[in-house]
Amino acid sequence: GGAGGGDGPEEPALPSLEGVSEKQYTIYIAPGGGAFTTLNGSLTLELVNEKFWKVSRPLELCYAPTKDPK
């Protein structure tokens, strides 16, 4: 006969985003050559695609904790 059992592994719980703000992180574009461009919060990914990615491929996006979150 077949062995009994559960329905597979449990889904891992997603980390809570409560109390997390986008101001806690700064996103940078690294177009190459070691220069970083800071993205302000109003740029959508569509604008990043238009302004940066079509000009400079491949394009790296980096993020770091903001030094002085307001």
Protein backbone atom coordinates (compact mmCIF):
# COMPACT_ATOMS: atom_id res chain seq x y z
CA GLY A 1 0.00 0.00 0.00
CA GLY A 2 0.93 3.68 -0.29
CA ALA A 3 2.42 5.58 2.60
CA GLY A 4 0.24 8.27 4.17
CA GLY A 5 1.52 11.81 4.55
CA GLY A 6 0.86 15.53 4.40
CA ASP A 7 0.28 17.63 1.31
CA GLY A 8 3.95 18.47 0.80
CA PRO A 9 6.14 21.09 2.46
CA GLU A 10 4.48 24.12 4.01
CA GLU A 11 4.76 27.46 2.22
CA PRO A 12 7.37 29.66 3.95
CA ALA A 13 5.84 32.74 5.57
CA LEU A 14 6.59 35.98 3.76
CA PRO A 15 8.48 38.56 5.84
CA SER A 16 6.22 41.30 7.15
CA LEU A 17 6.65 44.66 5.43
CA GLU A 18 4.94 46.50 8.27
CA GLY A 19 6.93 49.56 9.30
CA VAL A 20 9.20 49.35 6.23
CA SER A 21 9.48 52.54 4.18
CA GLU A 22 10.96 53.07 0.72
CA LYS A 23 12.87 55.97 2.31
CA GLN A 24 14.98 53.42 4.23
CA TYR A 25 16.75 52.41 1.01
CA THR A 26 18.42 54.33 -1.80
CA ILE A 27 18.49 52.79 -5.29
CA TYR A 28 21.49 53.44 -7.53
CA ILE A 29 22.10 52.82 -11.22
CA ALA A 30 25.59 51.60 -12.10
CA PRO A 31 25.96 52.32 -15.84
CA GLY A 32 29.60 51.23 -15.82
CA GLY A 33 32.89 53.02 -15.30
CA GLY A 34 32.40 53.01 -11.53
CA ALA A 35 30.00 55.99 -11.48
CA PHE A 36 26.72 55.61 -9.61
CA THR A 37 23.55 57.56 -10.35
CA THR A 38 21.08 57.90 -7.47
CA LEU A 39 17.45 57.34 -8.41
CA ASN A 40 14.92 59.61 -6.80
CA GLY A 41 11.63 58.08 -5.70
CA SER A 42 9.56 59.50 -8.56
CA LEU A 43 11.29 57.54 -11.37
CA THR A 44 9.27 54.54 -12.52
CA LEU A 45 10.95 51.47 -13.98
CA GLU A 46 9.51 52.51 -17.34
CA LEU A 47 11.39 55.83 -17.13
CA VAL A 48 14.58 54.04 -16.02
CA ASN A 49 14.19 51.82 -19.10
CA GLU A 50 13.77 54.86 -21.39
CA LYS A 51 16.49 57.06 -19.87
CA PHE A 52 19.19 54.55 -18.94
CA TRP A 53 18.74 50.97 -20.14
CA LYS A 54 18.21 51.81 -23.83
CA VAL A 55 21.41 53.89 -23.69
CA SER A 56 23.66 51.63 -21.63
CA ARG A 57 23.29 47.84 -21.59
CA PRO A 58 23.74 45.85 -19.46
CA LEU A 59 22.43 47.99 -16.61
CA GLU A 60 22.99 47.23 -12.94
CA LEU A 61 20.64 48.43 -10.22
CA CYS A 62 21.99 48.46 -6.66
CA TYR A 63 20.43 49.44 -3.38
CA ALA A 64 21.80 50.40 0.01
CA PRO A 65 20.30 51.47 3.32
CA THR A 66 19.73 55.23 3.32
CA LYS A 67 22.25 56.99 5.55
CA ASP A 68 19.75 59.54 6.88
CA PRO A 69 16.15 58.32 6.43
CA LYS A 70 13.64 61.15 6.98
